[in-house]
Protein backbone atom coordinates (compact mmCIF):
# COMPACT_ATOMS: atom_id res chain seq x y z
CA MET A 1 -1.91 -32.63 6.13
CA GLU A 2 -4.56 -30.30 7.41
CA TRP A 3 -6.29 -29.93 4.02
CA PHE A 4 -7.00 -33.68 3.80
CA THR A 5 -8.64 -34.75 7.05
CA PHE A 6 -10.93 -37.44 8.40
CA GLN A 7 -14.30 -36.07 9.46
CA PRO A 8 -17.50 -37.70 10.74
CA SER A 9 -19.68 -38.92 7.90
CA GLU A 10 -23.39 -39.55 7.54
CA PRO A 11 -25.08 -41.92 7.05
CA ALA A 12 -21.90 -44.05 7.21
CA ALA A 13 -20.59 -44.97 10.62
CA GLY A 14 -17.19 -43.66 11.66
CA SER A 15 -15.39 -41.08 9.56
CA GLU A 16 -14.20 -40.54 6.01
CA LEU A 17 -11.54 -38.49 4.28
CA PHE A 18 -12.34 -34.98 3.10
CA ALA A 19 -10.43 -32.75 0.69
CA GLU A 20 -10.99 -29.34 2.22
CA GLU A 21 -14.79 -29.49 2.63
CA ILE A 22 -15.65 -32.25 0.15
CA PRO A 23 -15.73 -36.01 0.87
CA VAL A 24 -13.22 -37.69 -1.42
CA GLN A 25 -15.68 -40.53 -1.98
CA GLN A 26 -17.90 -37.97 -3.69
CA LEU A 27 -15.01 -36.80 -5.86
CA ALA A 28 -14.19 -40.37 -6.90
CA ARG A 29 -17.81 -41.05 -7.85
CA GLN A 30 -18.00 -37.82 -9.83
CA TYR A 31 -14.67 -37.94 -11.65
CA GLY A 32 -13.58 -41.58 -11.54
CA THR A 33 -10.27 -43.10 -10.50
CA PRO A 34 -7.32 -42.96 -10.47
CA LEU A 35 -7.70 -39.27 -9.70
CA TYR A 36 -5.33 -36.51 -8.63
CA VAL A 37 -6.92 -34.10 -6.15
CA TYR A 38 -5.26 -30.78 -5.27
CA SER A 39 -6.16 -28.30 -2.56
CA ARG A 40 -6.04 -24.63 -3.51
CA ARG A 41 -5.77 -23.65 0.14
CA ALA A 42 -2.74 -25.90 0.57
CA LEU A 43 -0.95 -24.40 -2.43
CA GLU A 44 -1.61 -20.88 -1.21
CA ALA A 45 -0.53 -21.63 2.36
CA SER A 46 2.72 -23.26 1.22
CA TYR A 47 3.58 -20.29 -0.99
CA GLN A 48 2.69 -17.82 1.76
CA ALA A 49 5.10 -19.61 4.13
CA TYR A 50 7.95 -18.58 1.81
CA TYR A 51 6.58 -15.10 1.26
CA GLN A 52 6.23 -14.40 4.97
CA ALA A 53 9.76 -15.68 5.60
CA MET A 54 11.20 -13.33 2.94
CA ALA A 55 8.89 -10.31 3.00
CA ASP A 56 11.31 -8.12 4.96
CA SER A 57 14.12 -8.32 2.40
CA PRO A 58 14.59 -8.14 -1.39
CA HIS A 59 13.45 -11.47 -2.79
CA LEU A 60 12.01 -13.47 -5.66
CA ILE A 61 10.16 -16.76 -5.12
CA CYS A 62 10.37 -18.83 -8.31
CA TYR A 63 8.19 -21.92 -8.10
CA ALA A 64 9.87 -24.90 -9.80
CA VAL A 65 7.41 -25.74 -12.57
CA LYS A 66 8.72 -29.29 -12.98
CA ALA A 67 7.17 -30.27 -9.63
CA ASN A 68 3.61 -29.79 -10.89
CA SER A 69 3.00 -27.92 -14.13
CA ASN A 70 -0.80 -27.96 -14.38
CA LEU A 71 -2.02 -24.58 -15.65
CA ALA A 72 -4.43 -24.15 -12.76
CA VAL A 73 -1.67 -24.80 -10.22
CA LEU A 74 0.57 -22.25 -11.95
CA ASN A 75 -2.29 -19.77 -12.14
CA VAL A 76 -3.02 -20.02 -8.40
CA LEU A 77 0.62 -19.20 -7.71
CA ALA A 78 0.86 -16.48 -10.36
CA ARG A 79 -2.09 -14.70 -8.74
CA LEU A 80 -0.08 -14.63 -5.51
CA GLY A 81 2.82 -12.96 -7.31
CA ALA A 82 5.05 -16.00 -7.72
CA GLY A 83 7.90 -16.15 -10.17
CA PHE A 84 8.80 -19.43 -11.85
CA ASP A 85 11.84 -21.63 -12.34
CA ILE A 86 11.67 -23.40 -15.72
CA VAL A 87 13.81 -25.98 -17.52
CA SER A 88 12.28 -25.99 -21.02
CA VAL A 89 10.47 -23.78 -23.48
CA GLY A 90 7.39 -25.92 -22.89
CA GLU A 91 7.41 -24.90 -19.25
CA LEU A 92 7.87 -21.29 -20.32
CA GLU A 93 4.78 -21.49 -22.53
CA ARG A 94 2.84 -23.02 -19.63
CA VAL A 95 3.83 -20.12 -17.38
CA LEU A 96 2.72 -17.60 -20.00
CA ALA A 97 -0.57 -19.43 -20.59
CA ALA A 98 -1.21 -19.46 -16.84
CA GLY A 99 -0.73 -15.71 -16.52
CA GLY A 100 2.81 -15.74 -15.17
CA ASP A 101 5.11 -12.74 -15.63
CA PRO A 102 8.13 -13.65 -17.83
CA ALA A 103 10.15 -10.97 -16.04
CA ARG A 104 9.86 -13.19 -12.94
CA VAL A 105 11.10 -16.35 -14.67
CA VAL A 106 14.52 -17.94 -14.29
CA PHE A 107 15.48 -20.40 -17.04
CA SER A 108 17.50 -23.33 -15.70
CA GLY A 109 18.50 -26.62 -17.32
CA VAL A 110 21.66 -28.16 -18.73
CA ALA A 111 20.68 -28.37 -22.40
CA LYS A 112 18.81 -25.27 -23.51
CA GLN A 113 18.27 -25.46 -27.26
CA ARG A 114 18.79 -22.41 -29.42
CA HIS A 115 15.10 -22.05 -30.25
CA GLU A 116 14.38 -22.12 -26.51
CA ILE A 117 16.97 -19.40 -25.90
CA ARG A 118 15.43 -17.26 -28.63
CA ARG A 119 11.92 -17.61 -27.22
CA ALA A 120 13.10 -16.72 -23.72
CA LEU A 121 14.90 -13.64 -25.06
CA GLU A 122 11.80 -12.67 -27.05
CA VAL A 123 9.48 -12.68 -24.02
CA GLY A 124 12.08 -11.22 -21.64
CA VAL A 125 12.81 -13.70 -18.86
CA HIS A 126 14.45 -12.45 -15.67
CA CYS A 127 17.63 -14.42 -16.35
CA PHE A 128 19.21 -17.58 -17.68
CA ASN A 129 20.90 -19.87 -15.17
CA ILE A 130 24.00 -20.83 -17.16
CA GLU A 131 25.19 -24.42 -16.65
CA SER A 132 28.21 -24.62 -18.98
CA GLU A 133 30.72 -22.40 -20.75
CA GLN A 134 29.40 -23.55 -24.13
CA GLU A 135 25.89 -22.46 -23.17
CA LEU A 136 27.18 -18.98 -22.33
CA GLU A 137 28.60 -18.66 -25.85
CA HIS A 138 25.35 -19.92 -27.42
CA ILE A 139 23.31 -17.35 -25.52
CA GLN A 140 25.71 -14.56 -26.52
CA GLU A 141 25.35 -15.60 -30.19
CA GLU A 142 21.56 -15.67 -30.06
CA ALA A 143 21.30 -12.39 -28.16
CA LEU A 144 23.65 -10.73 -30.64
CA ALA A 145 21.58 -11.99 -33.59
CA MET A 146 18.39 -10.64 -31.98
CA ASN A 147 20.01 -7.42 -30.72
CA LYS A 148 18.92 -8.31 -27.18
CA VAL A 149 20.83 -8.28 -23.91
CA ALA A 150 20.64 -11.60 -22.09
CA ARG A 151 20.67 -11.41 -18.31
CA ILE A 152 22.56 -14.36 -16.85
CA SER A 153 23.64 -15.97 -13.64
CA LEU A 154 25.98 -18.93 -13.37
CA ARG A 155 24.72 -22.07 -11.75
CA VAL A 156 27.77 -23.16 -9.81
CA ASN A 157 28.42 -26.65 -8.51
CA PRO A 158 29.79 -26.30 -4.97
CA ASP A 159 30.52 -30.03 -4.42
CA VAL A 160 28.19 -30.17 -1.42
CA ASP A 161 26.65 -33.48 -0.40
CA ALA A 162 22.92 -32.89 0.04
CA ARG A 163 22.58 -36.30 1.75
CA THR A 164 19.55 -37.21 -0.28
CA HIS A 165 18.69 -39.91 -2.85
CA PRO A 166 21.52 -40.11 -5.44
CA TYR A 167 19.06 -39.59 -8.31
CA ILE A 168 17.99 -36.20 -6.91
CA SER A 169 21.39 -35.00 -5.72
CA THR A 170 22.66 -32.23 -8.02
CA GLY A 171 25.52 -30.44 -6.25
CA LEU A 172 28.39 -32.95 -6.36
CA LYS A 173 31.29 -32.88 -8.80
CA ASP A 174 30.10 -36.06 -10.54
CA ASN A 175 26.63 -34.59 -11.22
CA LYS A 176 25.83 -33.16 -14.65
CA PHE A 177 24.63 -29.84 -13.30
CA GLY A 178 26.34 -26.49 -13.07
CA ILE A 179 29.88 -25.13 -13.40
CA ASP A 180 32.63 -26.12 -10.99
CA ILE A 181 32.77 -23.36 -8.38
CA ASN A 182 36.56 -23.20 -8.74
CA ARG A 183 36.17 -22.49 -12.46
CA ALA A 184 33.42 -19.91 -11.94
CA PRO A 185 35.57 -16.73 -11.57
CA ALA A 186 37.09 -17.29 -15.02
CA VAL A 187 33.67 -17.92 -16.57
CA TYR A 188 32.27 -14.79 -14.94
CA ALA A 189 35.21 -12.82 -16.36
CA ARG A 190 34.40 -14.14 -19.82
CA ALA A 191 30.70 -13.33 -19.40
CA ALA A 192 31.54 -9.76 -18.37
CA GLU A 193 33.46 -9.30 -21.64
CA LEU A 194 30.61 -10.38 -23.90
CA SER A 195 28.72 -7.65 -25.75
CA HIS A 196 25.18 -8.92 -25.27
CA ILE A 197 25.45 -10.49 -21.82
CA GLU A 198 24.58 -8.81 -18.52
CA VAL A 199 25.84 -10.63 -15.43
CA VAL A 200 23.20 -10.35 -12.72
CA GLY A 201 23.57 -13.23 -10.29
CA VAL A 202 24.82 -16.55 -9.04
CA ASP A 203 22.74 -19.71 -8.69
CA CYS A 204 23.18 -22.96 -6.82
CA HIS A 205 20.91 -25.97 -6.41
CA ILE A 206 22.33 -28.97 -4.55
CA GLY A 207 19.46 -31.46 -4.62
CA SER A 208 15.92 -32.27 -3.66
CA GLN A 209 14.11 -33.56 -0.56
CA LEU A 210 16.62 -32.01 1.84
CA THR A 211 15.65 -32.54 5.47
CA THR A 212 18.25 -30.38 7.26
CA THR A 213 19.50 -26.83 6.85
CA GLU A 214 23.21 -27.70 7.02
CA PRO A 215 23.69 -28.50 3.30
CA PHE A 216 21.96 -25.23 2.32
CA LEU A 217 24.18 -23.22 4.62
CA ASP A 218 27.32 -25.08 3.58
CA ALA A 219 26.58 -24.25 -0.06
CA LEU A 220 25.73 -20.65 0.86
CA ASP A 221 29.08 -20.15 2.57
CA ARG A 222 30.84 -21.29 -0.59
CA LEU A 223 28.72 -18.94 -2.70
CA LEU A 224 29.57 -16.01 -0.46
CA LEU A 225 33.28 -16.73 -0.84
CA LEU A 226 32.77 -16.73 -4.60
CA MET A 227 30.94 -13.40 -4.41
CA ASP A 228 33.89 -11.96 -2.48
CA GLN A 229 36.19 -13.10 -5.29
CA LEU A 230 33.92 -11.56 -7.91
CA GLN A 231 33.77 -8.28 -6.02
CA ALA A 232 37.55 -8.18 -6.18
CA GLN A 233 37.28 -8.70 -9.95
CA GLY A 234 34.89 -5.77 -10.20
CA ILE A 235 31.82 -8.00 -10.82
CA HIS A 236 28.94 -7.01 -8.54
CA LEU A 237 25.94 -9.34 -8.47
CA GLN A 238 22.34 -8.22 -8.08
CA HIS A 239 20.94 -11.51 -6.84
CA LEU A 240 21.90 -14.74 -5.10
CA ASP A 241 19.80 -17.77 -5.98
CA ILE A 242 20.02 -20.60 -3.42
CA GLY A 243 17.76 -22.90 -5.46
CA GLY A 244 15.12 -25.13 -3.97
CA GLY A 245 15.18 -28.60 -2.53
CA LEU A 246 13.51 -28.18 0.85
CA GLY A 247 11.87 -31.50 1.63
CA VAL A 248 8.45 -32.54 2.86
CA GLN A 249 7.29 -35.15 5.34
CA TYR A 250 6.48 -38.30 3.41
CA GLN A 251 6.82 -40.64 6.37
CA ASP A 252 8.42 -39.62 9.66
CA GLU A 253 10.99 -37.05 8.53
CA THR A 254 11.50 -33.87 10.56
CA ILE A 255 11.54 -31.02 8.04
CA PRO A 256 12.60 -27.43 8.70
CA SER A 257 10.06 -24.81 7.69
CA PRO A 258 10.91 -22.16 5.09
CA ALA A 259 11.29 -19.68 7.95
CA ASP A 260 13.63 -22.04 9.83
CA TYR A 261 16.28 -22.07 7.14
CA LEU A 262 15.70 -18.69 5.49
CA VAL A 263 16.30 -16.79 8.72
CA SER A 264 19.78 -18.32 8.84
CA VAL A 265 20.36 -17.55 5.16
CA LYS A 266 19.35 -13.90 5.57
CA GLN A 267 21.47 -13.55 8.71
CA ARG A 268 24.55 -14.79 6.85
CA LEU A 269 23.93 -12.37 3.98
CA VAL A 270 23.72 -9.42 6.35
CA GLU A 271 26.81 -10.51 8.29
CA ARG A 272 28.83 -10.74 5.08
CA GLY A 273 27.68 -7.37 3.75
CA TYR A 274 25.24 -8.71 1.14
CA GLY A 275 21.99 -7.74 2.87
CA ASP A 276 20.90 -5.64 -0.12
CA VAL A 277 21.34 -8.46 -2.63
CA MET A 278 18.09 -9.96 -3.86
CA LEU A 279 17.58 -13.48 -2.50
CA VAL A 280 16.04 -15.91 -5.01
CA VAL A 281 14.59 -19.32 -4.08
CA GLU A 282 13.22 -22.03 -6.35
CA PRO A 283 10.88 -24.21 -4.24
CA GLY A 284 8.82 -26.88 -5.97
CA ARG A 285 8.15 -29.97 -3.90
CA SER A 286 7.71 -28.02 -0.67
CA ILE A 287 4.91 -25.98 -2.25
CA ALA A 288 3.07 -28.67 -4.21
CA ALA A 289 3.65 -32.08 -2.62
CA GLN A 290 1.35 -31.85 0.38
CA ALA A 291 -1.28 -30.06 -1.68
CA GLY A 292 -2.18 -33.22 -3.58
CA ILE A 293 -3.38 -36.79 -3.12
CA LEU A 294 -3.94 -39.63 -5.57
CA LEU A 295 -7.21 -41.52 -5.22
CA THR A 296 -7.22 -45.15 -6.37
CA ARG A 297 -9.83 -47.91 -6.15
CA VAL A 298 -9.14 -51.44 -4.85
CA GLU A 299 -10.05 -53.78 -7.71
CA LEU A 300 -9.38 -57.01 -5.85
CA ILE A 301 -7.60 -58.60 -2.92
CA LYS A 302 -5.12 -61.35 -3.76
CA THR A 303 -3.53 -63.61 -1.15
CA THR A 304 -0.60 -65.96 -1.69
CA GLU A 305 1.41 -68.02 0.78
CA GLN A 306 3.85 -65.13 1.09
CA LYS A 307 1.83 -61.97 0.59
CA HIS A 308 -1.43 -60.10 0.75
CA PHE A 309 -1.88 -57.85 -2.29
CA ALA A 310 -4.37 -55.01 -2.65
CA ILE A 311 -4.53 -54.58 -6.43
CA VAL A 312 -5.67 -51.07 -7.31
CA ASP A 313 -6.54 -49.20 -10.51
CA GLY A 314 -3.63 -46.77 -10.00
CA ALA A 315 -0.20 -47.86 -11.16
CA MET A 316 3.42 -46.90 -11.68
CA ASN A 317 2.43 -45.02 -14.82
CA ASP A 318 0.25 -42.78 -12.60
CA LEU A 319 2.73 -42.33 -9.73
CA LEU A 320 6.29 -43.31 -10.61
CA ARG A 321 8.18 -42.23 -7.50
CA PRO A 322 7.82 -45.48 -5.51
CA SER A 323 9.13 -47.54 -8.43
CA ILE A 324 12.18 -45.42 -9.33
CA TYR A 325 13.14 -44.00 -5.93
CA SER A 326 11.65 -46.62 -3.57
CA ALA A 327 9.81 -43.54 -2.31
CA TRP A 328 7.38 -43.83 0.59
CA HIS A 329 3.91 -42.30 0.34
CA THR A 330 1.47 -42.68 3.21
CA ILE A 331 -1.56 -44.65 1.99
CA VAL A 332 -4.88 -44.67 3.85
CA ASN A 333 -8.31 -46.14 3.35
CA THR A 334 -10.62 -43.17 2.87
CA VAL A 335 -13.32 -44.85 4.95
CA GLN A 336 -12.46 -46.29 8.34
CA HIS A 337 -13.88 -49.79 8.77
CA ALA A 338 -14.75 -51.14 12.20
CA ASP A 339 -15.72 -54.58 10.87
CA VAL A 340 -12.67 -55.43 8.75
CA ASP A 341 -9.46 -56.90 10.17
CA SER A 342 -6.24 -55.19 9.19
CA GLN A 343 -3.58 -57.03 7.22
CA VAL A 344 -0.18 -56.15 5.85
CA TYR A 345 -0.61 -55.47 2.14
CA ASP A 346 1.50 -54.58 -0.83
CA ILE A 347 -0.46 -51.96 -2.77
CA VAL A 348 0.15 -52.84 -6.42
CA GLY A 349 -1.24 -51.82 -9.80
CA PRO A 350 -2.18 -53.58 -13.04
CA VAL A 351 0.94 -52.68 -15.05
CA CYS A 352 2.97 -55.67 -16.25
CA GLU A 353 6.09 -54.89 -14.21
CA SER A 354 7.20 -56.29 -10.86
CA GLY A 355 8.19 -52.73 -10.02
CA ASP A 356 4.56 -51.62 -10.28
CA PHE A 357 3.68 -50.71 -6.72
CA LEU A 358 2.46 -47.67 -4.81
CA GLY A 359 3.44 -48.99 -1.39
CA LYS A 360 4.76 -52.12 0.25
CA ALA A 361 4.06 -53.71 3.63
CA ARG A 362 1.20 -51.37 4.59
CA ASP A 363 -1.05 -52.23 7.53
CA LEU A 364 -4.57 -51.59 6.25
CA ALA A 365 -8.15 -52.66 6.91
CA VAL A 366 -9.33 -52.90 3.34
CA ARG A 367 -11.74 -54.78 1.08
CA GLU A 368 -12.53 -54.87 -2.61
CA GLY A 369 -14.09 -51.67 -3.87
CA ASP A 370 -12.53 -49.47 -1.19
CA LEU A 371 -11.07 -46.12 -2.13
CA LEU A 372 -7.48 -45.48 -1.05
CA ALA A 373 -5.69 -42.14 -0.86
CA VAL A 374 -1.98 -41.80 -1.56
CA TYR A 375 -0.72 -38.74 0.30
CA SER A 376 1.94 -36.19 -0.66
CA ALA A 377 1.29 -36.74 -4.38
CA GLY A 378 1.04 -33.12 -5.49
CA ALA A 379 4.68 -32.94 -6.62
CA TYR A 380 6.35 -35.28 -9.11
CA GLY A 381 3.09 -37.18 -9.46
CA PHE A 382 1.09 -36.41 -12.58
CA VAL A 383 4.05 -34.64 -14.23
CA MET A 384 6.00 -37.91 -14.31
CA SER A 385 3.05 -40.04 -15.42
CA SER A 386 2.93 -41.86 -18.74
CA ASN A 387 0.77 -43.95 -21.04
CA TYR A 388 2.72 -47.15 -20.41
CA ASN A 389 0.58 -50.21 -21.21
CA THR A 390 -1.63 -47.78 -23.21
CA ARG A 391 -3.20 -46.57 -19.98
CA ASN A 392 -4.96 -43.22 -19.98
CA ARG A 393 -3.40 -40.64 -17.71
CA ALA A 394 -5.46 -39.69 -14.68
CA ALA A 395 -7.75 -36.70 -14.39
CA GLU A 396 -6.71 -33.80 -12.15
CA ILE A 397 -9.11 -31.70 -10.11
CA MET A 398 -8.71 -28.70 -7.81
CA VAL A 399 -10.77 -28.36 -4.64
CA ASP A 400 -11.55 -24.88 -3.36
CA GLY A 401 -13.65 -25.06 -0.21
CA THR A 402 -16.93 -26.71 -1.16
CA GLN A 403 -16.25 -26.51 -4.90
CA SER A 404 -14.27 -28.79 -7.19
CA TYR A 405 -13.03 -28.05 -10.69
CA VAL A 406 -11.68 -30.26 -13.46
CA ILE A 407 -8.26 -28.86 -14.28
CA ARG A 408 -7.30 -31.72 -16.60
CA ARG A 409 -9.87 -34.17 -17.92
CA ARG A 410 -9.07 -37.86 -18.17
CA GLU A 411 -7.51 -38.95 -21.45
CA THR A 412 -9.17 -41.32 -23.87
CA VAL A 413 -7.50 -44.12 -25.75
CA ALA A 414 -8.42 -42.40 -29.03
CA GLU A 415 -6.44 -39.33 -27.89
CA GLN A 416 -3.43 -41.55 -27.28
CA PHE A 417 -3.67 -42.76 -30.89
CA ALA A 418 -4.27 -39.30 -32.34
CA SER A 419 -0.65 -38.45 -33.16
CA GLU A 420 0.17 -41.88 -34.63
CA SER A 421 -0.18 -43.09 -38.24
CA LEU A 422 -0.38 -46.38 -40.06
CA LEU A 423 1.99 -47.09 -42.94
CA PRO A 424 0.51 -46.67 -46.44
CA LEU A 425 -0.47 -49.83 -48.29
């Protein structure tokens, strides 16, 4: 992670971790912990990797807002020309508030409510990714009532095994997402009949944290066969959306770059006669994950006959992924000690759950008061955080060279209470 690097420090001996050009120790003193720290340069570089891989062909890069929905993060990407993949009207309002173009928004999600459909029609999103036949009828009804034409694509379920964690696999027949690809031609035929529906594309998303290109290409081949069928029905699509899901290196995974897999995708499109079809991608994790770290302070060291525990002020309510996915995040001491012996620690938080851990069996040289950094926390970090145990959610900051900016201040307990009421006497 080239935006979070160890550099020589003065007057301390050895080296310490920097976020771009700022020591993270300085950030922790200034803003407190636990603290999410994002690198603007990292966000921009990750987006540009997709743009450069797709610049020579018709394309739309729709960042998946669910990965990290902070307004400043969205604004950085909007300034670069990004589109957005959303799954709720709340995410739509975030995109608009951050300066995003609604005409570059695709609206995904299995349970769009009617008020959400109306708002998306009102602002003019690029298209709805339809996930059921009932949803298609709902959108037709709302578009008719508003005298609008709703642009749609079908999210098809190709029954492709993404070979990822079962909780983040979305392209198998037993998943809740999408329309069975074998049923899709009939649904497209129905959509083409509807008065206030314009069929513009096909969409497929098979899962998250994919580490090889084979599942993408397997799904693409099935989409291209479907497009051939639709052509024969007289339905010509303007775009093909291959979703997101490209993974990142949390531990020792070997991850293809955007260019690695998109060159194969584009080659297949050209070979099959679809080179002029707009290619849409919906990356989230691969843009945001490596752009963020979570800083957390060691409150105390606890040793039992079986374990060494480093108990920190960050917890499962701040970063949920380790608890629900057994996800690995690299954890480092932000200052390298020469005078402290390393031990194998479980890094645990103060929440009253045995599942409250950020990492297990980590070899660290650490002492009370040290500042740890949890890497690859820019995606599915803060967005999944909660107030469990009435803990305030962390602050978020953005680093830009030598400058840092508060992009979400730390909550207060009073703010947690603000929407609650006592019963009358």
